[in-house]
N, C-alpha and C. Protein backbone atom coordinates (compact mmCIF):
# COMPACT_ATOMS: atom_id res chain seq x y z
N MET A 1 0.80 -1.10 -0.02
CA MET A 1 0.04 0.01 0.10
C MET A 1 0.86 1.30 0.00
N ALA A 2 1.89 1.20 0.76
CA ALA A 2 2.77 2.37 0.80
C ALA A 2 3.44 2.81 -0.51
N LYS A 3 3.77 1.57 -1.28
CA LYS A 3 4.53 1.65 -2.50
C LYS A 3 3.59 2.45 -3.45
N LYS A 4 2.30 2.08 -3.53
CA LYS A 4 1.35 2.58 -4.55
C LYS A 4 1.30 4.24 -4.20
N SER A 5 1.17 4.54 -2.90
CA SER A 5 1.03 5.83 -2.46
C SER A 5 2.25 6.70 -2.78
N THR A 6 3.37 6.05 -2.72
CA THR A 6 4.64 6.80 -3.07
C THR A 6 4.72 6.86 -4.40
N ALA A 7 4.40 5.98 -5.28
CA ALA A 7 4.44 6.14 -6.74
C ALA A 7 3.46 7.20 -7.27
N LYS A 8 2.36 7.19 -6.57
CA LYS A 8 1.38 8.33 -6.94
C LYS A 8 1.79 9.64 -6.68
N LYS A 9 2.51 9.73 -5.51
CA LYS A 9 3.07 11.01 -4.99
C LYS A 9 4.15 11.53 -6.04
N GLN A 10 5.03 10.51 -6.49
CA GLN A 10 6.20 10.93 -7.35
C GLN A 10 5.58 11.40 -8.80
N GLU A 11 4.50 10.62 -9.17
CA GLU A 11 3.96 11.01 -10.38
C GLU A 11 3.19 12.40 -10.40
N ALA A 12 2.64 12.79 -9.26
CA ALA A 12 2.07 14.09 -9.15
C ALA A 12 3.12 15.19 -9.10
N GLU A 13 4.33 14.73 -8.30
CA GLU A 13 5.35 15.76 -8.21
C GLU A 13 5.94 16.06 -9.60
N GLN A 14 6.06 15.14 -10.42
CA GLN A 14 6.61 15.16 -11.73
C GLN A 14 5.77 15.88 -12.75
N ALA A 15 4.46 16.02 -12.44
CA ALA A 15 3.66 16.84 -13.53
C ALA A 15 4.03 18.33 -13.23
N GLN A 16 4.19 18.81 -14.55
CA GLN A 16 4.68 20.32 -14.82
C GLN A 16 3.69 21.07 -15.84
N PHE A 17 3.28 22.32 -15.39
CA PHE A 17 2.56 22.96 -16.32
C PHE A 17 3.12 24.52 -16.05
N SER A 18 3.49 25.01 -17.26
CA SER A 18 3.89 26.36 -17.09
C SER A 18 3.69 27.05 -18.48
N ILE A 19 3.55 28.37 -18.46
CA ILE A 19 3.25 29.26 -19.55
C ILE A 19 4.67 29.72 -19.99
N GLN A 20 5.16 29.55 -21.17
CA GLN A 20 6.38 29.97 -21.66
C GLN A 20 6.19 31.43 -22.20
N ARG A 21 5.08 31.48 -23.08
CA ARG A 21 4.76 32.81 -23.76
C ARG A 21 3.32 32.83 -24.23
N ILE A 22 2.79 34.11 -24.09
CA ILE A 22 1.35 34.22 -24.69
C ILE A 22 1.64 35.30 -25.54
N TYR A 23 1.01 35.11 -26.98
CA TYR A 23 1.28 36.03 -27.98
C TYR A 23 -0.01 36.20 -28.90
N LEU A 24 -0.10 37.28 -29.72
CA LEU A 24 -1.16 37.41 -30.58
C LEU A 24 -0.50 37.00 -31.96
N LYS A 25 -1.23 35.90 -32.50
CA LYS A 25 -0.68 35.20 -33.71
C LYS A 25 -1.29 35.83 -35.07
N ASP A 26 -2.56 36.18 -34.94
CA ASP A 26 -3.15 36.83 -36.12
C ASP A 26 -4.31 37.77 -35.73
N LEU A 27 -4.47 38.78 -36.38
CA LEU A 27 -5.49 39.77 -36.17
C LEU A 27 -5.97 40.22 -37.52
N SER A 28 -7.41 40.63 -37.58
CA SER A 28 -7.89 41.24 -38.91
C SER A 28 -9.25 41.86 -38.34
N PHE A 29 -9.37 43.04 -39.05
CA PHE A 29 -10.65 43.78 -38.68
C PHE A 29 -11.09 44.30 -40.15
N GLU A 30 -12.23 44.27 -40.32
CA GLU A 30 -12.90 44.90 -41.66
C GLU A 30 -14.14 45.56 -41.35
N THR A 31 -14.26 46.78 -42.05
CA THR A 31 -15.50 47.47 -42.02
C THR A 31 -15.91 47.50 -43.57
N PRO A 32 -16.57 46.63 -44.18
CA PRO A 32 -16.82 46.58 -45.48
C PRO A 32 -17.47 47.89 -46.08
N GLN A 33 -18.27 48.40 -45.25
CA GLN A 33 -19.14 49.66 -45.69
C GLN A 33 -18.38 51.02 -45.58
N GLY A 34 -17.14 50.96 -44.82
CA GLY A 34 -16.44 52.21 -44.59
C GLY A 34 -17.44 53.14 -43.74
N ALA A 35 -17.33 54.39 -43.99
CA ALA A 35 -18.04 55.47 -43.42
C ALA A 35 -19.50 55.33 -43.46
N ALA A 36 -20.16 54.44 -44.32
CA ALA A 36 -21.50 54.36 -44.51
C ALA A 36 -22.04 53.55 -43.31
N ALA A 37 -21.15 52.72 -42.61
CA ALA A 37 -21.58 52.09 -41.53
C ALA A 37 -21.92 52.94 -40.32
N PHE A 38 -21.55 54.08 -40.29
CA PHE A 38 -21.74 54.99 -39.24
C PHE A 38 -22.97 55.85 -39.47
N GLN A 39 -23.62 55.91 -40.74
CA GLN A 39 -24.73 56.66 -40.91
C GLN A 39 -25.98 55.98 -40.93
N LYS A 40 -25.92 54.85 -40.36
CA LYS A 40 -27.37 54.05 -40.39
C LYS A 40 -27.58 53.62 -38.96
N GLN A 41 -28.89 53.31 -38.62
CA GLN A 41 -29.21 52.90 -37.44
C GLN A 41 -29.42 51.35 -37.68
N TRP A 42 -28.66 50.72 -36.82
CA TRP A 42 -28.49 49.16 -36.97
C TRP A 42 -29.38 48.45 -35.79
N LYS A 43 -29.75 47.31 -36.27
CA LYS A 43 -30.14 46.34 -35.25
C LYS A 43 -29.37 45.26 -35.39
N PRO A 44 -28.14 45.30 -34.91
CA PRO A 44 -27.15 44.17 -35.34
C PRO A 44 -27.42 42.87 -34.50
N LYS A 45 -26.93 41.79 -35.37
CA LYS A 45 -26.96 40.51 -34.79
C LYS A 45 -25.34 40.12 -34.86
N VAL A 46 -24.99 39.47 -33.74
CA VAL A 46 -23.58 38.78 -33.63
C VAL A 46 -23.50 37.30 -33.84
N ASN A 47 -22.61 37.01 -34.77
CA ASN A 47 -22.20 35.63 -34.97
C ASN A 47 -20.81 35.36 -34.43
N GLN A 48 -20.70 34.44 -33.49
CA GLN A 48 -19.42 34.20 -32.99
C GLN A 48 -18.96 32.63 -33.38
N ASP A 49 -17.79 32.70 -33.85
CA ASP A 49 -17.08 31.32 -34.16
C ASP A 49 -15.85 31.20 -33.33
N LEU A 50 -15.74 30.14 -32.60
CA LEU A 50 -14.74 29.93 -31.69
C LEU A 50 -14.03 28.52 -31.99
N ASN A 51 -12.74 28.48 -32.16
CA ASN A 51 -12.07 27.26 -32.14
C ASN A 51 -10.63 27.25 -31.72
N THR A 52 -10.18 25.92 -31.24
CA THR A 52 -8.83 25.96 -30.74
C THR A 52 -8.11 24.91 -31.57
N LYS A 53 -6.72 25.07 -31.68
CA LYS A 53 -5.76 24.33 -32.51
C LYS A 53 -4.60 23.96 -31.38
N THR A 54 -4.01 22.65 -31.41
CA THR A 54 -3.05 22.45 -30.54
C THR A 54 -1.98 21.85 -31.43
N LYS A 55 -0.76 22.13 -31.21
CA LYS A 55 0.37 21.53 -32.03
C LYS A 55 1.54 21.31 -31.04
N GLN A 56 2.17 20.25 -31.12
CA GLN A 56 3.29 19.88 -30.16
C GLN A 56 4.53 20.53 -31.04
N ILE A 57 5.23 21.34 -30.29
CA ILE A 57 6.33 21.99 -30.79
C ILE A 57 7.76 21.13 -30.55
N ASP A 58 7.77 20.75 -29.28
CA ASP A 58 8.95 19.96 -28.85
C ASP A 58 8.45 19.12 -27.84
N GLU A 59 9.45 18.30 -27.23
CA GLU A 59 8.98 17.29 -26.14
C GLU A 59 8.46 18.08 -24.87
N GLY A 60 7.20 17.91 -24.68
CA GLY A 60 6.55 18.67 -23.49
C GLY A 60 6.16 20.04 -23.80
N VAL A 61 6.37 20.52 -24.94
CA VAL A 61 6.10 22.03 -25.33
C VAL A 61 4.99 22.02 -26.40
N PHE A 62 3.92 22.60 -26.03
CA PHE A 62 2.76 22.64 -26.91
C PHE A 62 2.32 24.10 -27.30
N GLU A 63 2.07 24.47 -28.45
CA GLU A 63 1.23 25.70 -28.95
C GLU A 63 -0.11 25.39 -28.89
N VAL A 64 -0.82 26.10 -28.22
CA VAL A 64 -2.31 26.20 -28.23
C VAL A 64 -2.75 27.43 -28.60
N ALA A 65 -3.69 27.49 -29.66
CA ALA A 65 -4.13 28.81 -30.30
C ALA A 65 -5.65 28.84 -30.13
N LEU A 66 -6.33 29.81 -29.79
CA LEU A 66 -7.54 30.22 -29.67
C LEU A 66 -7.95 31.21 -30.69
N ARG A 67 -8.83 30.91 -31.69
CA ARG A 67 -9.21 31.76 -32.76
C ARG A 67 -10.80 32.10 -32.59
N VAL A 68 -11.06 33.36 -32.65
CA VAL A 68 -12.44 33.69 -32.51
C VAL A 68 -12.77 34.73 -33.56
N THR A 69 -13.87 34.53 -34.35
CA THR A 69 -14.26 35.37 -35.34
C THR A 69 -15.61 35.87 -34.96
N ILE A 70 -15.86 37.19 -34.99
CA ILE A 70 -16.99 37.92 -34.78
C ILE A 70 -17.45 38.54 -35.88
N THR A 71 -18.72 38.36 -36.40
CA THR A 71 -19.38 39.01 -37.55
C THR A 71 -20.57 39.68 -36.99
N MET A 72 -20.52 41.03 -37.20
CA MET A 72 -21.62 41.93 -36.68
C MET A 72 -22.24 42.25 -38.02
N ALA A 73 -23.60 41.85 -38.01
CA ALA A 73 -24.40 42.11 -39.24
C ALA A 73 -25.76 42.65 -38.94
N ASP A 74 -26.29 43.34 -39.95
CA ASP A 74 -27.75 43.86 -39.92
C ASP A 74 -28.40 43.30 -41.21
N GLY A 75 -29.08 42.22 -40.91
CA GLY A 75 -29.67 41.34 -42.14
C GLY A 75 -28.66 40.89 -43.02
N GLU A 76 -28.37 41.22 -44.08
CA GLU A 76 -27.49 40.71 -44.99
C GLU A 76 -26.39 41.58 -45.19
N GLU A 77 -26.47 42.89 -44.41
CA GLU A 77 -25.23 43.80 -44.53
C GLU A 77 -24.20 43.52 -43.32
N THR A 78 -23.06 43.37 -43.70
CA THR A 78 -22.00 43.13 -42.66
C THR A 78 -21.47 44.53 -42.11
N ILE A 79 -21.64 44.67 -40.86
CA ILE A 79 -21.03 46.03 -40.29
C ILE A 79 -19.55 45.84 -40.04
N TYR A 80 -19.23 44.85 -39.30
CA TYR A 80 -17.77 44.56 -39.24
C TYR A 80 -17.50 43.09 -39.11
N VAL A 81 -16.17 42.81 -39.29
CA VAL A 81 -15.71 41.40 -38.90
C VAL A 81 -14.55 41.63 -38.35
N VAL A 82 -14.37 40.94 -37.15
CA VAL A 82 -13.00 40.97 -36.37
C VAL A 82 -12.65 39.58 -36.17
N GLU A 83 -11.34 39.26 -36.34
CA GLU A 83 -10.98 37.92 -36.20
C GLU A 83 -9.59 38.03 -35.46
N ALA A 84 -9.45 37.26 -34.40
CA ALA A 84 -8.00 37.27 -33.76
C ALA A 84 -7.77 35.75 -33.45
N GLU A 85 -6.37 35.56 -33.39
CA GLU A 85 -5.90 34.18 -32.85
C GLU A 85 -4.84 34.52 -31.86
N GLN A 86 -5.29 34.17 -30.60
CA GLN A 86 -4.40 34.28 -29.36
C GLN A 86 -3.63 32.86 -29.24
N ALA A 87 -2.34 33.01 -29.03
CA ALA A 87 -1.73 31.73 -28.86
C ALA A 87 -0.87 31.73 -27.60
N GLY A 88 -0.41 30.58 -27.32
CA GLY A 88 0.46 30.44 -26.17
C GLY A 88 1.25 29.29 -26.33
N LEU A 89 2.59 29.34 -25.71
CA LEU A 89 3.56 28.11 -25.77
C LEU A 89 3.48 27.80 -24.12
N PHE A 90 3.06 26.47 -24.03
CA PHE A 90 3.02 25.82 -22.72
C PHE A 90 3.94 24.67 -22.45
N THR A 91 4.56 24.69 -21.32
CA THR A 91 5.44 23.38 -21.06
C THR A 91 4.41 22.57 -20.29
N ILE A 92 4.17 21.27 -20.70
CA ILE A 92 3.03 20.35 -19.96
C ILE A 92 3.82 18.95 -20.07
N LYS A 93 4.24 18.58 -18.85
CA LYS A 93 5.02 17.36 -18.74
C LYS A 93 4.39 16.58 -17.51
N GLY A 94 4.54 15.16 -17.51
CA GLY A 94 4.16 14.45 -16.38
C GLY A 94 2.60 14.13 -16.28
N PHE A 95 2.00 14.44 -17.16
CA PHE A 95 0.37 14.35 -17.17
C PHE A 95 0.09 12.94 -17.92
N THR A 96 -0.90 12.26 -17.53
CA THR A 96 -1.20 11.05 -18.05
C THR A 96 -1.84 11.24 -19.39
N GLU A 97 -1.95 10.40 -20.24
CA GLU A 97 -2.49 10.30 -21.57
C GLU A 97 -4.00 10.79 -21.44
N GLU A 98 -4.59 10.32 -20.48
CA GLU A 98 -6.06 10.67 -20.27
C GLU A 98 -6.19 12.20 -19.88
N GLN A 99 -5.23 12.67 -19.06
CA GLN A 99 -5.27 14.26 -18.62
C GLN A 99 -4.86 15.17 -19.71
N MET A 100 -4.04 14.88 -20.74
CA MET A 100 -3.48 15.72 -21.58
C MET A 100 -4.66 16.53 -22.31
N PRO A 101 -5.58 15.66 -23.06
CA PRO A 101 -6.63 16.36 -23.70
C PRO A 101 -7.48 17.47 -22.91
N GLN A 102 -7.66 17.28 -21.71
CA GLN A 102 -8.23 18.08 -20.79
C GLN A 102 -7.50 19.29 -20.51
N VAL A 103 -6.12 19.17 -20.26
CA VAL A 103 -5.14 20.40 -20.14
C VAL A 103 -5.18 21.09 -21.37
N LEU A 104 -4.85 20.51 -22.44
CA LEU A 104 -4.84 21.30 -23.88
C LEU A 104 -6.05 21.99 -24.22
N ASN A 105 -7.30 21.43 -23.99
CA ASN A 105 -8.55 21.77 -24.42
C ASN A 105 -9.30 22.56 -23.37
N THR A 106 -8.78 22.71 -22.18
CA THR A 106 -9.71 23.49 -21.17
C THR A 106 -8.64 24.44 -20.38
N THR A 107 -7.76 24.11 -19.89
CA THR A 107 -6.83 24.83 -19.14
C THR A 107 -6.18 25.89 -19.91
N CYS A 108 -5.50 25.58 -21.08
CA CYS A 108 -4.74 26.41 -21.90
C CYS A 108 -5.69 27.44 -22.65
N PRO A 109 -6.85 27.04 -23.21
CA PRO A 109 -7.73 28.17 -23.77
C PRO A 109 -8.36 28.90 -22.69
N GLY A 110 -8.52 28.57 -21.47
CA GLY A 110 -8.82 29.31 -20.41
C GLY A 110 -8.11 30.33 -19.96
N ILE A 111 -6.77 30.20 -20.15
CA ILE A 111 -5.67 31.11 -19.98
C ILE A 111 -5.67 32.18 -21.02
N LEU A 112 -5.79 31.69 -22.20
CA LEU A 112 -5.70 32.65 -23.39
C LEU A 112 -6.88 33.52 -23.57
N PHE A 113 -8.11 32.95 -23.19
CA PHE A 113 -9.23 33.72 -23.46
C PHE A 113 -9.35 35.21 -23.10
N PRO A 114 -9.00 35.61 -21.70
CA PRO A 114 -8.99 36.93 -21.34
C PRO A 114 -8.14 37.82 -22.23
N TYR A 115 -6.92 37.35 -22.80
CA TYR A 115 -6.06 38.16 -23.69
C TYR A 115 -6.73 38.53 -24.93
N LEU A 116 -7.50 37.30 -25.43
CA LEU A 116 -8.25 37.38 -26.68
C LEU A 116 -9.32 38.33 -26.59
N ARG A 117 -10.08 38.20 -25.59
CA ARG A 117 -11.26 39.10 -25.34
C ARG A 117 -10.79 40.55 -25.33
N GLU A 118 -9.56 40.96 -24.60
CA GLU A 118 -9.40 42.25 -24.42
C GLU A 118 -8.85 42.65 -25.85
N THR A 119 -8.11 41.91 -26.60
CA THR A 119 -7.76 42.39 -27.87
C THR A 119 -8.87 42.71 -28.82
N LEU A 120 -9.89 41.83 -28.87
CA LEU A 120 -10.92 42.01 -29.63
C LEU A 120 -11.63 43.29 -29.37
N ASP A 121 -11.87 43.49 -28.04
CA ASP A 121 -12.70 44.72 -27.61
C ASP A 121 -11.71 46.06 -27.95
N ASN A 122 -10.45 46.05 -27.83
CA ASN A 122 -9.67 47.09 -28.23
C ASN A 122 -9.77 47.43 -29.69
N VAL A 123 -9.77 46.41 -30.47
CA VAL A 123 -9.78 46.52 -32.02
C VAL A 123 -11.28 47.09 -32.46
N VAL A 124 -12.23 46.46 -31.95
CA VAL A 124 -13.61 47.13 -32.20
C VAL A 124 -13.82 48.65 -31.78
N THR A 125 -13.15 48.92 -30.55
CA THR A 125 -13.42 50.27 -30.07
C THR A 125 -12.52 51.15 -30.85
N LYS A 126 -11.32 50.68 -31.43
CA LYS A 126 -10.54 51.58 -32.25
C LYS A 126 -11.21 51.71 -33.61
N GLY A 127 -12.03 50.92 -33.98
CA GLY A 127 -12.82 50.80 -35.10
C GLY A 127 -13.98 51.96 -35.14
N SER A 128 -14.13 52.50 -33.81
CA SER A 128 -15.22 53.44 -33.66
C SER A 128 -16.60 52.82 -33.36
N PHE A 129 -16.60 51.66 -33.03
CA PHE A 129 -17.87 50.85 -32.68
C PHE A 129 -17.94 50.66 -31.18
N PRO A 130 -19.19 50.33 -30.71
CA PRO A 130 -19.31 50.16 -29.18
C PRO A 130 -18.50 48.87 -28.69
N ALA A 131 -18.19 49.04 -27.55
CA ALA A 131 -17.29 47.94 -26.98
C ALA A 131 -17.92 46.70 -27.14
N LEU A 132 -17.16 45.58 -27.33
CA LEU A 132 -17.46 44.20 -27.68
C LEU A 132 -16.97 43.32 -26.44
N LEU A 133 -17.90 43.18 -25.44
CA LEU A 133 -17.47 42.39 -24.22
C LEU A 133 -17.96 40.92 -24.28
N LEU A 134 -17.13 40.17 -24.87
CA LEU A 134 -17.48 38.68 -24.91
C LEU A 134 -17.70 38.08 -23.63
N PRO A 135 -18.70 37.33 -23.31
CA PRO A 135 -19.05 36.77 -22.03
C PRO A 135 -18.02 35.76 -21.84
N PRO A 136 -17.76 35.38 -20.48
CA PRO A 136 -16.84 34.21 -20.29
C PRO A 136 -17.28 32.87 -20.88
N ILE A 137 -16.30 32.11 -21.11
CA ILE A 137 -16.61 30.78 -21.86
C ILE A 137 -16.14 29.65 -20.73
N ASN A 138 -17.07 28.72 -20.61
CA ASN A 138 -16.72 27.49 -19.77
C ASN A 138 -16.09 26.46 -20.61
N PHE A 139 -14.70 26.49 -20.54
CA PHE A 139 -14.13 25.46 -21.68
C PHE A 139 -14.29 24.17 -20.91
N ASP A 140 -14.36 23.94 -19.82
CA ASP A 140 -14.70 22.59 -19.16
C ASP A 140 -15.97 21.98 -19.73
N ALA A 141 -17.03 22.75 -19.81
CA ALA A 141 -18.28 22.30 -20.31
C ALA A 141 -18.26 22.09 -21.73
N LEU A 142 -17.57 22.99 -22.57
CA LEU A 142 -17.28 22.63 -23.95
C LEU A 142 -16.75 21.43 -24.28
N PHE A 143 -15.61 21.08 -23.47
CA PHE A 143 -14.96 19.94 -23.55
C PHE A 143 -15.74 18.66 -23.18
N ALA A 144 -16.50 18.85 -22.14
CA ALA A 144 -17.36 17.69 -21.55
C ALA A 144 -18.48 17.41 -22.92
N ASN A 145 -18.93 18.53 -23.37
CA ASN A 145 -20.03 18.34 -24.40
C ASN A 145 -19.35 17.63 -25.60
N ALA A 146 -18.16 18.07 -26.17
CA ALA A 146 -17.43 17.55 -27.14
C ALA A 146 -17.14 16.02 -26.89
N LEU A 147 -16.88 15.69 -25.73
CA LEU A 147 -16.52 14.16 -25.41
C LEU A 147 -17.88 13.39 -25.61
N GLN A 148 -19.04 14.07 -25.07
CA GLN A 148 -20.34 13.31 -25.09
C GLN A 148 -20.74 13.19 -26.52
N GLN A 149 -20.56 14.17 -27.31
CA GLN A 149 -20.87 14.12 -28.78
C GLN A 149 -20.17 13.08 -29.54
N ALA A 150 -18.73 13.01 -29.09
CA ALA A 150 -17.92 11.87 -29.78
C ALA A 150 -18.39 10.62 -29.37
N GLU A 151 -18.66 10.44 -28.18
CA GLU A 151 -19.30 9.13 -27.77
C GLU A 151 -20.51 8.71 -28.40
N ALA A 152 -21.43 9.64 -28.45
CA ALA A 152 -22.70 9.47 -29.28
C ALA A 152 -22.46 9.13 -30.61
N ASP A 153 -21.54 9.96 -31.38
CA ASP A 153 -21.22 9.62 -32.71
C ASP A 153 -20.56 8.29 -32.91
N ALA A 154 -19.86 7.85 -31.99
CA ALA A 154 -19.26 6.64 -32.05
C ALA A 154 -20.21 5.50 -31.85
N LYS A 155 -21.18 5.59 -31.00
CA LYS A 155 -22.22 4.54 -30.74
C LYS A 155 -23.12 4.68 -31.97
N ASP A 156 -23.39 5.79 -32.54
CA ASP A 156 -24.32 5.74 -33.71
C ASP A 156 -23.63 4.83 -34.95
N LYS A 157 -22.32 5.01 -35.10
CA LYS A 157 -21.55 4.28 -36.05
C LYS A 157 -21.63 2.85 -35.70
N ASP A 158 -21.50 2.47 -34.44
CA ASP A 158 -21.64 1.16 -34.13
C ASP A 158 -22.91 0.45 -34.35
N ASP A 159 -23.89 1.26 -34.04
CA ASP A 159 -25.28 0.91 -34.39
C ASP A 159 -25.66 0.67 -35.84
N THR A 160 -25.19 1.50 -36.64
CA THR A 160 -25.34 1.45 -37.97
C THR A 160 -24.72 0.15 -38.72
N LYS A 161 -23.54 -0.27 -38.11
CA LYS A 161 -22.81 -1.33 -38.53
C LYS A 161 -23.44 -2.79 -38.33
N HIS A 162 -24.31 -2.76 -37.24
CA HIS A 162 -24.88 -3.95 -36.87
C HIS A 162 -26.36 -4.05 -37.72
């Protein structure tokens, strides 16, 4: 029993997580109508697209990038489109194979999101539009939903084979 406890303790001590760098990887802002966008009364609708990408850079070093595209439109007319990709280099070592997806898809994006949110707000404000305050995102819930969806899809595939 003591042997198992010691092994688990050593494993936990070996787990490392650190931020090497957080940086803006890509940024784009468009106002297709130019000055005409400020001459109209809008009832805008917001469309938000969010995704993450993960790439192993070196042994225990991962780049995680969080990309958000916001399209502000009134009917068929686009008022503005802003897109930003916030990335980070993370040292992640000593986690189990089961823990890694959780860390890469929840912890890292959770760290990046406030930076991305601030960048988007600053760009939109500098474009002379009202502040864009994205609500917080629960990456744990998104990850859990994605796992459930993957399990359901796998089950559906198995059911169609029989």
